[in-house]
N, C-alpha and C. Protein backbone atom coordinates (compact mmCIF):
# COMPACT_ATOMS: atom_id res chain seq x y z
N MET A 1 103.53 101.26 208.81
CA MET A 1 103.55 101.43 210.31
C MET A 1 102.69 100.25 210.93
N PRO A 2 103.33 99.95 212.26
CA PRO A 2 102.61 98.73 212.84
C PRO A 2 101.09 99.26 213.32
N ALA A 3 100.29 98.20 213.31
CA ALA A 3 98.95 98.22 213.78
C ALA A 3 99.04 98.69 215.36
N LEU A 4 98.12 99.78 215.51
CA LEU A 4 97.80 100.49 217.03
C LEU A 4 96.78 100.29 217.45
N THR A 5 96.58 100.14 218.90
CA THR A 5 95.46 99.86 219.63
C THR A 5 94.95 101.29 220.01
N SER A 6 93.71 101.72 219.46
CA SER A 6 93.15 102.78 219.98
C SER A 6 92.12 102.73 220.95
N ILE A 7 92.05 103.94 221.69
CA ILE A 7 91.17 104.01 223.05
C ILE A 7 90.00 104.31 222.23
N GLY A 8 89.83 105.43 221.24
CA GLY A 8 88.70 105.81 221.06
C GLY A 8 88.88 106.72 219.91
N ARG A 9 87.72 107.48 219.43
CA ARG A 9 87.96 108.18 218.16
C ARG A 9 86.87 109.38 218.41
N ILE A 10 87.58 110.70 218.12
CA ILE A 10 86.61 111.82 218.38
C ILE A 10 87.02 112.65 217.36
N LYS A 11 85.90 113.67 216.85
CA LYS A 11 85.95 114.70 216.10
C LYS A 11 86.28 116.14 216.89
N ALA A 12 87.23 116.97 216.38
CA ALA A 12 87.11 118.28 216.93
C ALA A 12 87.33 119.07 216.06
N GLY A 13 87.43 120.46 216.23
CA GLY A 13 87.97 121.33 215.28
C GLY A 13 89.38 121.82 215.80
N ILE A 14 90.22 122.09 214.73
CA ILE A 14 91.70 122.50 214.91
C ILE A 14 92.04 123.86 214.38
N GLU A 15 92.55 124.76 215.27
CA GLU A 15 92.84 125.88 214.84
C GLU A 15 94.34 125.95 215.04
N VAL A 16 95.44 126.19 214.08
CA VAL A 16 96.48 126.38 214.42
C VAL A 16 97.15 127.61 213.65
N ASP A 17 97.50 128.53 214.44
CA ASP A 17 97.98 130.16 213.90
C ASP A 17 96.99 130.30 212.79
N ASN A 18 95.93 130.61 213.13
CA ASN A 18 94.93 131.03 212.63
C ASN A 18 94.33 130.22 211.29
N VAL A 19 94.83 129.14 211.47
CA VAL A 19 94.46 128.12 210.36
C VAL A 19 93.24 127.26 210.90
N LYS A 20 92.10 127.17 210.40
CA LYS A 20 91.10 126.45 211.01
C LYS A 20 90.84 125.13 210.17
N ALA A 21 90.29 124.13 210.98
CA ALA A 21 89.78 122.84 210.18
C ALA A 21 88.78 122.29 211.17
N GLU A 22 87.62 122.01 210.55
CA GLU A 22 86.33 121.69 211.43
C GLU A 22 86.24 119.85 211.12
N ASN A 23 85.45 119.39 211.98
CA ASN A 23 85.42 118.17 212.01
C ASN A 23 86.46 117.16 211.48
N ILE A 24 87.57 117.57 212.10
CA ILE A 24 88.88 116.50 212.02
C ILE A 24 88.54 115.03 212.95
N SER A 25 88.67 113.97 212.18
CA SER A 25 88.99 112.88 213.06
C SER A 25 89.83 112.70 213.66
N ILE A 26 89.90 112.45 214.96
CA ILE A 26 91.16 112.04 215.93
C ILE A 26 91.03 110.72 216.58
N TYR A 27 92.01 109.80 216.42
CA TYR A 27 92.01 108.58 217.09
C TYR A 27 92.92 108.48 218.43
N VAL A 28 92.23 108.13 219.36
CA VAL A 28 93.18 108.53 220.61
C VAL A 28 93.98 107.01 220.73
N VAL A 29 95.33 107.19 221.09
CA VAL A 29 96.12 105.99 221.15
C VAL A 29 96.95 105.83 222.43
N PRO A 30 97.47 105.08 223.14
CA PRO A 30 98.41 105.16 224.16
C PRO A 30 99.48 105.81 224.03
N ASP A 31 100.01 106.51 225.21
CA ASP A 31 101.26 107.52 224.97
C ASP A 31 102.35 106.89 224.31
N ASP A 32 102.75 105.68 224.56
CA ASP A 32 103.82 104.79 224.23
C ASP A 32 103.57 104.08 222.76
N ALA A 33 102.49 104.12 222.38
CA ALA A 33 102.03 103.57 220.67
C ALA A 33 102.79 104.54 219.87
N GLN A 34 102.81 105.86 219.99
CA GLN A 34 103.36 106.95 218.65
C GLN A 34 104.41 107.82 219.45
N SER A 35 105.31 107.96 218.60
CA SER A 35 106.38 108.81 219.22
C SER A 35 106.17 110.56 219.16
N VAL A 36 105.07 110.96 218.41
CA VAL A 36 104.72 112.18 218.07
C VAL A 36 103.16 112.30 218.86
N ASP A 37 102.88 113.58 219.10
CA ASP A 37 101.70 113.78 219.53
C ASP A 37 100.60 114.02 218.60
N LEU A 38 100.89 114.77 217.58
CA LEU A 38 99.52 114.55 216.62
C LEU A 38 100.28 114.29 215.21
N ILE A 39 99.11 113.59 214.48
CA ILE A 39 99.63 113.12 212.95
C ILE A 39 98.74 114.03 212.37
N ILE A 40 99.03 114.42 211.49
CA ILE A 40 98.22 115.79 210.27
C ILE A 40 98.08 114.86 208.98
N GLY A 41 97.07 114.59 208.38
CA GLY A 41 97.10 113.90 207.13
C GLY A 41 97.30 115.17 206.17
N ARG A 42 98.04 114.11 205.05
CA ARG A 42 98.68 115.07 203.93
C ARG A 42 97.57 115.78 202.96
N THR A 43 96.52 115.13 203.15
CA THR A 43 95.24 115.74 202.54
C THR A 43 94.86 117.17 202.94
N TRP A 44 94.93 117.26 204.15
CA TRP A 44 94.48 118.74 204.90
C TRP A 44 95.77 119.79 204.85
N LEU A 45 96.88 119.14 204.64
CA LEU A 45 98.02 120.34 204.21
C LEU A 45 97.81 120.46 202.79
N ASP A 46 97.36 119.80 201.97
CA ASP A 46 97.12 120.15 200.52
C ASP A 46 95.89 121.27 200.33
N LEU A 47 95.17 121.47 201.56
CA LEU A 47 94.04 122.36 201.04
C LEU A 47 94.51 123.83 200.73
N PRO A 48 93.77 124.51 199.78
CA PRO A 48 94.24 125.65 199.04
C PRO A 48 94.73 126.78 199.96
N HIS A 49 93.88 126.76 201.44
CA HIS A 49 94.20 128.05 201.94
C HIS A 49 95.13 127.45 203.26
N ILE A 50 95.69 126.58 203.14
CA ILE A 50 96.93 126.34 204.27
C ILE A 50 98.10 126.36 203.43
N ALA A 51 98.97 127.03 204.16
CA ALA A 51 100.58 127.12 203.76
C ALA A 51 101.36 127.07 205.02
N TYR A 52 102.27 126.18 204.57
CA TYR A 52 103.33 125.55 205.67
C TYR A 52 104.64 125.71 205.15
N THR A 53 105.42 125.70 206.25
CA THR A 53 106.78 125.71 205.76
C THR A 53 107.63 125.15 207.33
N LYS A 54 108.84 124.39 206.63
CA LYS A 54 109.44 124.08 207.60
C LYS A 54 110.68 124.90 208.02
N LEU A 55 110.93 125.10 209.58
CA LEU A 55 112.19 125.91 210.07
C LEU A 55 112.84 124.97 210.94
N GLY A 56 114.05 124.36 210.54
CA GLY A 56 114.65 123.67 211.21
C GLY A 56 113.90 122.14 211.46
N LYS A 57 113.84 121.57 212.69
CA LYS A 57 113.18 120.35 212.72
C LYS A 57 111.64 120.57 213.20
N ARG A 58 110.97 121.91 212.70
CA ARG A 58 109.89 122.19 213.07
C ARG A 58 109.21 122.69 211.64
N VAL A 59 107.87 121.85 211.54
CA VAL A 59 106.94 122.41 210.59
C VAL A 59 106.00 123.49 211.03
N HIS A 60 106.06 124.85 210.67
CA HIS A 60 104.97 125.67 210.71
C HIS A 60 103.83 125.77 209.83
N ILE A 61 102.56 126.06 210.17
CA ILE A 61 101.35 126.01 209.44
C ILE A 61 100.77 127.54 209.45
N GLY A 62 100.45 127.90 208.58
CA GLY A 62 99.90 129.33 208.55
C GLY A 62 98.85 129.35 207.50
N TYR A 63 98.17 130.72 207.43
CA TYR A 63 97.02 130.52 206.48
C TYR A 63 97.04 132.09 206.07
N ARG A 64 96.85 132.31 204.79
CA ARG A 64 96.87 133.68 204.23
C ARG A 64 95.62 133.63 203.22
N GLU A 65 94.44 134.40 202.96
CA GLU A 65 93.48 134.40 202.05
C GLU A 65 94.04 134.82 200.59
N ASP A 66 95.16 135.75 200.89
CA ASP A 66 95.25 136.47 199.37
C ASP A 66 96.38 135.93 198.77
N GLU A 67 96.82 134.99 199.47
CA GLU A 67 98.20 134.11 198.79
C GLU A 67 97.97 132.57 198.94
N LEU A 68 97.04 132.18 197.97
CA LEU A 68 96.77 130.51 197.85
C LEU A 68 98.02 129.85 197.64
N PHE A 69 97.97 128.74 198.02
CA PHE A 69 99.08 127.65 197.74
C PHE A 69 100.50 128.19 197.61
N ARG A 70 100.49 129.10 199.03
CA ARG A 70 101.95 129.69 198.86
C ARG A 70 102.63 129.22 200.40
N ASN A 71 103.69 128.94 200.46
CA ASN A 71 104.35 128.30 201.40
C ASN A 71 105.12 129.35 202.00
N PHE A 72 105.17 130.09 203.30
CA PHE A 72 105.56 131.19 203.82
C PHE A 72 105.95 130.96 205.13
N PRO A 73 107.28 131.64 205.74
CA PRO A 73 107.64 131.59 206.91
C PRO A 73 106.70 132.32 207.86
N ILE A 74 106.56 131.90 208.89
CA ILE A 74 105.73 132.83 210.15
C ILE A 74 106.70 132.86 211.48
N ASP A 75 106.03 133.55 212.30
CA ASP A 75 106.50 133.80 213.50
C ASP A 75 106.97 132.87 214.10
N GLU A 76 108.12 133.03 214.84
CA GLU A 76 108.87 131.83 215.43
C GLU A 76 107.95 131.58 216.70
N LYS A 77 107.27 132.50 217.26
CA LYS A 77 106.22 132.37 218.16
C LYS A 77 104.80 131.58 218.32
N VAL A 78 104.95 130.12 218.28
CA VAL A 78 104.15 129.18 217.85
C VAL A 78 103.19 129.15 218.88
N LYS A 79 101.97 129.08 218.81
CA LYS A 79 100.84 129.06 219.95
C LYS A 79 100.68 127.48 220.17
N ARG A 80 100.10 127.21 220.98
CA ARG A 80 99.87 125.82 221.59
C ARG A 80 98.52 125.47 220.89
N VAL A 81 98.46 124.03 220.42
CA VAL A 81 97.55 123.44 219.80
C VAL A 81 96.32 123.15 220.80
N CYS A 82 95.06 123.80 220.62
CA CYS A 82 94.08 123.46 221.46
C CYS A 82 93.04 122.74 220.79
N LEU A 83 92.53 121.71 221.39
CA LEU A 83 91.58 120.65 220.64
C LEU A 83 90.46 120.55 221.53
N LYS A 84 89.03 120.97 221.09
CA LYS A 84 88.09 121.10 221.53
C LYS A 84 86.99 119.99 221.25
N ARG A 85 86.80 118.90 222.17
CA ARG A 85 86.03 117.97 221.32
C ARG A 85 84.56 118.17 221.59
N LEU A 86 84.25 117.60 220.04
CA LEU A 86 82.86 117.89 219.34
C LEU A 86 81.96 116.54 219.76
N GLU A 87 82.37 115.50 219.80
CA GLU A 87 81.90 114.20 220.10
C GLU A 87 82.84 113.38 220.37
N THR A 88 82.18 112.06 221.08
CA THR A 88 83.29 110.98 221.28
C THR A 88 82.57 109.74 220.59
N ALA A 89 83.14 108.76 219.98
CA ALA A 89 82.62 107.41 219.43
C ALA A 89 83.55 106.45 219.88
N GLN A 90 82.98 105.42 220.35
CA GLN A 90 83.86 104.06 220.76
C GLN A 90 83.98 103.41 219.28
N LEU A 91 85.18 102.87 219.17
CA LEU A 91 85.62 101.93 218.06
C LEU A 91 84.92 100.66 218.19
N GLU A 92 84.42 100.13 217.10
CA GLU A 92 83.79 98.99 217.03
C GLU A 92 85.16 97.74 217.22
N SER A 93 86.21 97.71 216.95
CA SER A 93 87.23 97.01 217.00
C SER A 93 88.44 97.67 217.62
N GLU A 94 89.02 96.96 218.68
CA GLU A 94 90.05 97.48 219.15
C GLU A 94 91.34 97.57 218.74
N GLY A 95 91.72 97.29 217.52
CA GLY A 95 92.97 97.70 216.79
C GLY A 95 92.56 98.41 215.73
N LEU A 96 93.57 99.41 215.74
CA LEU A 96 93.33 100.63 214.36
C LEU A 96 94.68 100.04 213.77
N GLN A 97 94.37 99.88 212.32
CA GLN A 97 95.55 99.92 211.51
C GLN A 97 95.87 100.75 210.53
N ILE A 98 97.08 101.45 210.76
CA ILE A 98 97.23 102.43 209.90
C ILE A 98 98.15 101.82 208.75
N LYS A 99 97.86 102.02 207.71
CA LYS A 99 98.48 101.32 206.67
C LYS A 99 99.12 102.11 205.63
N ASP A 100 100.16 101.84 205.10
CA ASP A 100 100.93 102.51 204.06
C ASP A 100 100.84 102.27 202.62
N TYR A 101 100.11 103.29 202.37
CA TYR A 101 99.58 102.99 200.53
C TYR A 101 100.60 103.47 199.63
N SER A 102 101.60 103.85 200.09
CA SER A 102 102.72 104.15 198.99
C SER A 102 102.97 102.96 198.17
N GLN A 103 103.13 101.55 198.96
CA GLN A 103 103.50 100.37 197.94
C GLN A 103 102.28 100.02 197.12
N GLN A 104 101.02 100.29 197.34
CA GLN A 104 99.82 99.92 196.96
C GLN A 104 100.03 100.97 195.55
N LYS A 105 100.29 102.08 195.91
CA LYS A 105 100.39 103.37 194.60
C LYS A 105 101.03 102.89 193.73
N MET A 106 102.33 102.13 194.15
CA MET A 106 103.36 101.88 193.05
C MET A 106 103.20 100.79 192.59
N ILE A 107 102.51 99.97 192.95
CA ILE A 107 101.80 98.64 192.39
C ILE A 107 100.94 99.12 191.44
N GLY A 108 100.09 99.97 191.63
CA GLY A 108 98.89 100.66 190.73
C GLY A 108 99.75 101.38 189.41
N ASN A 109 100.74 102.15 190.02
CA ASN A 109 101.41 102.74 188.56
C ASN A 109 102.02 101.67 187.93
N LEU A 110 102.56 100.50 188.42
CA LEU A 110 103.38 99.69 187.41
C LEU A 110 102.14 99.21 186.62
N ALA A 111 101.15 98.70 187.33
CA ALA A 111 99.79 98.23 186.52
C ALA A 111 99.63 98.94 185.40
N ASN A 112 99.39 100.50 185.79
CA ASN A 112 98.96 100.99 184.56
C ASN A 112 100.24 101.05 183.29
N ASP A 113 101.30 101.24 183.88
CA ASP A 113 102.59 101.32 182.82
C ASP A 113 102.59 99.81 182.13
N LEU A 114 102.51 98.92 182.69
CA LEU A 114 102.46 97.40 182.03
C LEU A 114 100.93 97.61 181.14
N LYS A 115 100.05 98.19 181.31
CA LYS A 115 98.77 98.06 180.61
C LYS A 115 99.19 98.95 179.19
N MET A 116 99.74 100.00 179.51
CA MET A 116 100.32 100.74 178.21
C MET A 116 101.22 99.98 177.30
N VAL A 117 102.15 99.27 178.30
CA VAL A 117 103.20 98.47 177.32
C VAL A 117 102.41 97.61 176.42
N ARG A 118 101.40 96.76 177.21
CA ARG A 118 100.80 96.00 176.26
C ARG A 118 99.81 96.59 175.01
N ASN A 119 99.47 97.85 175.47
CA ASN A 119 98.51 98.53 174.30
C ASN A 119 99.52 98.99 173.11
N GLU A 120 100.69 99.39 173.41
CA GLU A 120 101.75 99.67 172.53
C GLU A 120 102.09 98.38 171.94
N LEU A 121 102.20 97.31 172.52
CA LEU A 121 102.77 95.98 171.72
C LEU A 121 101.58 95.62 170.68
N ARG A 122 100.43 95.63 171.36
CA ARG A 122 99.21 95.38 170.62
C ARG A 122 99.47 96.13 169.00
N LEU A 123 99.42 97.57 169.21
CA LEU A 123 99.60 98.05 168.18
C LEU A 123 100.84 98.09 167.44
N LEU A 124 101.97 97.68 167.88
CA LEU A 124 103.15 97.33 167.22
C LEU A 124 102.83 96.02 166.42
N GLN A 125 102.27 94.96 167.04
CA GLN A 125 101.87 93.82 166.36
C GLN A 125 100.94 93.85 164.92
N GLY A 126 99.80 94.92 165.44
CA GLY A 126 99.21 95.21 164.26
C GLY A 126 100.18 95.70 163.03
N ASP A 127 101.00 96.59 163.28
CA ASP A 127 101.76 97.12 162.28
C ASP A 127 102.54 96.25 161.58
N ILE A 128 102.95 95.40 162.34
CA ILE A 128 103.73 94.37 161.87
C ILE A 128 103.23 93.31 160.69
N LYS A 129 101.90 93.15 161.15
CA LYS A 129 100.90 92.32 160.19
C LYS A 129 100.53 93.11 159.03
N ILE A 130 100.39 94.33 159.21
CA ILE A 130 99.95 95.00 158.06
C ILE A 130 101.03 95.14 156.86
N PHE A 131 102.61 95.30 157.66
CA PHE A 131 103.86 95.49 156.87
C PHE A 131 103.83 93.95 156.16
N LYS A 132 103.78 92.95 156.93
CA LYS A 132 104.04 91.67 156.26
C LYS A 132 102.86 91.40 155.07
N LYS A 133 101.77 92.03 155.16
CA LYS A 133 100.71 91.82 154.12
C LYS A 133 101.10 92.54 152.93
N GLU A 134 101.62 93.59 152.95
CA GLU A 134 101.81 94.58 152.28
C GLU A 134 103.50 93.99 151.26
N GLN A 135 104.34 93.18 151.90
CA GLN A 135 105.44 92.74 151.73
C GLN A 135 105.00 91.63 150.67
N HIS A 136 104.12 90.98 151.24
CA HIS A 136 103.64 89.62 150.36
C HIS A 136 102.98 90.03 149.16
N THR A 137 102.29 91.10 149.26
CA THR A 137 101.55 91.68 147.79
C THR A 137 102.54 92.38 146.89
N LEU A 138 103.51 92.97 147.70
CA LEU A 138 104.72 93.56 146.96
C LEU A 138 105.51 92.20 146.24
N LEU A 139 105.95 91.32 146.93
CA LEU A 139 106.52 90.10 146.55
C LEU A 139 105.51 89.48 145.24
N LEU A 140 104.27 89.37 145.27
CA LEU A 140 103.55 88.47 144.37
C LEU A 140 103.53 89.58 143.09
N GLN A 141 103.60 90.68 143.34
CA GLN A 141 103.61 91.70 141.83
C GLN A 141 105.06 91.58 141.29
N ILE A 142 106.03 91.38 142.01
CA ILE A 142 107.37 91.15 141.71
C ILE A 142 107.34 90.01 140.80
N GLN A 143 107.06 88.91 141.56
CA GLN A 143 106.84 87.53 140.77
C GLN A 143 106.09 87.73 139.51
N GLU A 144 105.02 88.00 139.40
CA GLU A 144 104.01 88.27 138.31
C GLU A 144 105.03 89.13 137.19
N LYS A 145 105.57 90.17 137.41
CA LYS A 145 106.50 91.04 136.82
C LYS A 145 107.85 90.25 135.75
N ASN A 146 108.19 89.41 136.90
CA ASN A 146 109.27 88.49 136.74
C ASN A 146 108.78 87.36 135.54
N LYS A 147 107.66 86.97 135.85
CA LYS A 147 107.12 85.75 135.01
C LYS A 147 106.63 86.39 133.56
N HIS A 148 106.14 87.69 133.70
CA HIS A 148 105.76 88.38 132.21
C HIS A 148 106.85 88.52 131.43
N VAL A 149 108.06 89.02 131.97
CA VAL A 149 109.40 89.20 131.47
C VAL A 149 109.73 88.11 130.81
N GLU A 150 109.91 86.78 131.67
CA GLU A 150 110.42 85.64 131.15
C GLU A 150 109.43 85.18 129.78
N ASN A 151 108.12 85.27 129.92
CA ASN A 151 107.29 84.95 128.79
C ASN A 151 107.77 85.84 127.80
N ARG A 152 107.93 87.15 127.76
CA ARG A 152 108.42 87.74 126.75
C ARG A 152 109.63 87.46 126.16
N LYS A 153 110.46 87.09 127.03
CA LYS A 153 111.68 86.51 126.53
C LYS A 153 111.59 85.28 125.98
N SER A 154 110.80 84.46 126.23
CA SER A 154 110.77 83.07 125.58
C SER A 154 110.04 83.38 124.18
N ASP A 155 108.86 84.12 124.11
CA ASP A 155 108.44 84.66 122.71
C ASP A 155 109.33 85.15 121.91
N ASN A 156 110.07 85.84 122.37
CA ASN A 156 111.36 86.85 121.43
C ASN A 156 112.34 85.68 120.94
N ASP A 157 112.92 84.76 122.10
CA ASP A 157 113.50 83.58 121.61
C ASP A 157 112.85 82.86 120.40
N SER A 158 111.57 82.29 120.68
CA SER A 158 110.98 81.68 119.60
C SER A 158 110.92 82.45 118.12
N LEU A 159 110.48 83.71 118.59
CA LEU A 159 110.41 84.29 116.86
C LEU A 159 111.84 84.63 116.28
N ALA A 160 112.81 84.62 116.94
CA ALA A 160 114.20 84.90 116.71
C ALA A 160 114.49 83.38 115.77
N LYS A 161 114.15 82.43 116.31
CA LYS A 161 114.44 81.09 115.53
C LYS A 161 113.58 80.85 114.44
N MET A 162 112.58 81.24 114.64
CA MET A 162 111.51 80.72 113.55
C MET A 162 111.72 81.91 112.33
N ASN A 163 111.86 83.28 112.45
CA ASN A 163 112.13 84.13 111.51
C ASN A 163 113.50 83.79 110.82
N VAL A 164 113.46 84.18 109.41
CA VAL A 164 114.62 84.06 108.51
C VAL A 164 114.54 85.50 107.73
N TYR A 165 115.65 86.24 107.91
CA TYR A 165 115.88 87.44 107.08
C TYR A 165 116.81 86.98 106.03
N TYR A 166 116.50 87.38 104.87
CA TYR A 166 117.49 87.11 103.82
C TYR A 166 117.64 88.54 102.78
N VAL A 167 118.44 88.45 102.29
CA VAL A 167 118.99 89.73 101.16
C VAL A 167 119.40 89.08 100.14
N LYS A 168 118.51 89.39 99.01
CA LYS A 168 118.91 89.12 97.61
C LYS A 168 120.08 90.06 97.34
N GLU A 169 121.19 89.78 97.15
CA GLU A 169 122.52 90.43 96.66
C GLU A 169 122.50 90.39 94.91
N LYS A 170 123.44 91.39 94.35
CA LYS A 170 123.71 91.41 93.24
C LYS A 170 124.12 90.12 92.51
N SER A 171 124.90 89.80 93.25
CA SER A 171 125.91 88.28 92.83
C SER A 171 125.22 87.03 92.96
N GLY A 172 123.82 87.46 93.25
CA GLY A 172 123.02 86.09 93.47
C GLY A 172 123.18 85.23 94.93
N LYS A 173 124.00 85.58 95.73
CA LYS A 173 124.29 85.16 97.01
C LYS A 173 122.99 85.56 97.85
N LEU A 174 122.98 84.53 99.05
CA LEU A 174 121.58 84.69 99.71
C LEU A 174 122.23 84.89 101.00
N SER A 175 122.02 85.78 102.14
CA SER A 175 122.57 85.87 103.31
C SER A 175 121.67 85.41 104.34
N PHE A 176 122.08 84.54 105.06
CA PHE A 176 121.41 84.10 106.19
C PHE A 176 121.80 84.31 107.44
N ARG A 177 120.82 84.15 108.79
CA ARG A 177 121.42 84.39 109.99
C ARG A 177 121.48 82.88 110.36
N GLU A 178 122.74 82.75 111.30
CA GLU A 178 123.12 81.71 111.70
C GLU A 178 122.05 80.84 112.47
N GLY A 179 121.70 79.63 112.15
CA GLY A 179 120.87 78.87 112.78
C GLY A 179 119.49 78.36 112.18
N GLU A 180 119.08 79.07 111.13
CA GLU A 180 117.90 79.30 110.25
C GLU A 180 118.05 78.14 109.53
N ILE A 181 117.77 76.99 110.04
CA ILE A 181 117.94 75.59 109.25
C ILE A 181 116.85 75.35 108.16
N VAL A 182 115.65 75.81 108.67
CA VAL A 182 114.47 75.36 107.78
C VAL A 182 114.24 75.96 106.48
N ILE A 183 114.84 77.46 106.29
CA ILE A 183 114.54 77.82 105.15
C ILE A 183 115.87 77.56 104.22
N GLU A 184 117.28 77.08 104.72
CA GLU A 184 118.13 76.48 104.24
C GLU A 184 117.68 75.05 103.71
N GLU A 185 116.97 74.26 104.23
CA GLU A 185 116.51 72.85 103.85
C GLU A 185 115.65 73.13 102.66
N ILE A 186 114.73 74.13 102.50
CA ILE A 186 113.70 74.34 101.52
C ILE A 186 114.60 74.79 100.40
N LEU A 187 115.68 75.73 100.65
CA LEU A 187 116.18 75.93 99.43
C LEU A 187 117.12 74.80 98.94
N ARG A 188 117.59 73.72 99.77
CA ARG A 188 118.53 72.98 99.19
C ARG A 188 117.62 72.14 98.45
N TRP A 189 116.21 71.78 99.00
CA TRP A 189 115.07 70.89 98.20
C TRP A 189 114.76 71.61 96.84
N GLN A 190 114.83 73.01 96.93
CA GLN A 190 114.30 73.54 95.54
C GLN A 190 115.81 73.28 94.40
N VAL A 191 116.89 73.24 95.07
CA VAL A 191 117.96 73.27 94.07
C VAL A 191 117.85 71.65 93.51
N ILE A 192 117.66 70.65 94.41
CA ILE A 192 117.70 69.17 94.12
C ILE A 192 116.42 69.18 93.17
N GLN A 193 115.26 70.15 93.29
CA GLN A 193 114.32 69.70 92.16
C GLN A 193 114.71 70.45 91.09
N GLN A 194 115.49 71.39 91.09
CA GLN A 194 115.74 72.11 90.03
C GLN A 194 116.89 71.05 88.83
N LYS A 195 117.80 70.58 89.62
CA LYS A 195 118.40 69.36 88.94
C LYS A 195 117.72 68.32 88.55
N LEU A 196 116.63 67.63 89.13
CA LEU A 196 116.24 66.47 88.61
C LEU A 196 114.89 66.88 87.73
N ASN A 197 114.55 68.02 87.65
CA ASN A 197 113.59 68.34 86.85
C ASN A 197 114.05 69.72 85.90
N HIS A 198 115.09 69.42 85.43
CA HIS A 198 115.69 70.76 84.57
C HIS A 198 114.85 70.96 83.27
N ASP A 199 114.06 69.92 82.88
CA ASP A 199 113.54 70.15 81.54
C ASP A 199 112.18 70.90 81.77
N THR A 200 111.54 70.38 83.06
CA THR A 200 110.46 71.20 83.73
C THR A 200 110.60 72.18 84.90
N GLU A 201 111.77 73.04 84.64
CA GLU A 201 112.19 74.00 85.57
C GLU A 201 111.03 75.05 85.93
N GLU A 202 110.50 75.31 86.99
CA GLU A 202 109.77 76.15 87.13
C GLU A 202 110.38 77.46 87.04
N PRO A 203 109.68 78.34 85.92
CA PRO A 203 110.35 79.86 86.02
C PRO A 203 110.42 80.48 87.01
N TRP A 204 109.64 80.50 88.25
CA TRP A 204 109.70 81.60 89.18
C TRP A 204 111.29 81.11 89.82
N LEU A 205 111.79 79.97 89.88
CA LEU A 205 112.71 79.52 90.62
C LEU A 205 114.01 79.74 89.83
N SER A 206 114.03 79.47 88.63
CA SER A 206 115.09 79.84 87.89
C SER A 206 115.69 81.36 87.47
N GLN A 207 114.34 82.10 87.58
CA GLN A 207 114.71 83.63 87.44
C GLN A 207 115.07 84.40 88.81
N LYS A 208 114.45 83.92 89.97
CA LYS A 208 114.49 84.53 91.24
C LYS A 208 115.94 84.05 91.86
N TYR A 209 115.87 82.80 91.89
CA TYR A 209 117.07 82.52 92.73
C TYR A 209 118.08 81.62 91.92
N SER A 210 119.09 81.35 92.44
CA SER A 210 120.19 80.50 91.60
C SER A 210 120.61 79.52 93.07
N PRO A 211 121.19 78.29 92.59
CA PRO A 211 121.65 77.43 93.57
C PRO A 211 122.28 78.05 94.53
N VAL A 212 122.18 77.42 95.97
CA VAL A 212 122.49 78.01 97.21
C VAL A 212 124.39 77.77 96.88
N LYS A 213 125.28 78.82 96.78
CA LYS A 213 126.55 78.46 96.76
C LYS A 213 127.20 78.86 98.02
N HIS A 214 126.69 80.03 98.54
CA HIS A 214 127.34 80.43 99.63
C HIS A 214 126.37 80.74 100.91
N ILE A 215 126.90 80.50 102.08
CA ILE A 215 126.02 81.02 103.03
C ILE A 215 126.58 81.88 104.10
N GLU A 216 126.34 82.97 104.38
CA GLU A 216 126.87 83.61 105.47
C GLU A 216 126.29 83.97 106.82
N SER A 217 127.14 83.81 107.68
CA SER A 217 126.53 83.63 109.14
C SER A 217 126.72 85.18 109.61
N HIS A 218 125.58 85.57 110.39
CA HIS A 218 125.39 86.86 110.67
C HIS A 218 125.23 86.76 112.25
N ASN A 219 126.04 87.28 113.19
CA ASN A 219 125.64 87.30 114.64
C ASN A 219 124.85 88.21 115.31
């Protein structure tokens, strides 16, 4: 609403259809400043003992003690509104600013919503941080397990290359796994020594092993 020039301010008791209100502040303005004769504050209509209803273009205000907070129709015969002056006070300034607080209320609601969104975003960021930390810890555990598996595999490969399994058969043949070169070289060296030192042949070599004639490979 535009600013109004007020002539003065008074306090009065208002009674409308047996609905009483005391010490109501009334601002007096020129006749051409407002299209209506009386402006009633919404706070007054929200009082527990106030009941009002709209019939056509008119709003009827009523009062009933046994039915609080209830709007109900009243008699079509509306009494005149009588104002009794209690006191008169001159305004300090000539201008009376009637403000519309709906925009300010909307801005306040938006500010509260924005604050809630920021709080939710802060909580979400905290959850993401915790999730990343847990993910990093899990990744380290997986890497550690993979490293342990690789070490075990390397150890198994080393043992497979170093260990030699042989079986002494009735025919005197020795059965080797493929890739066991070390024991094969030892046996060859023993055979050569057997040939060179046939006069001083070691009893254990001649009794237990014969020269290598056949090597079988087992996958």
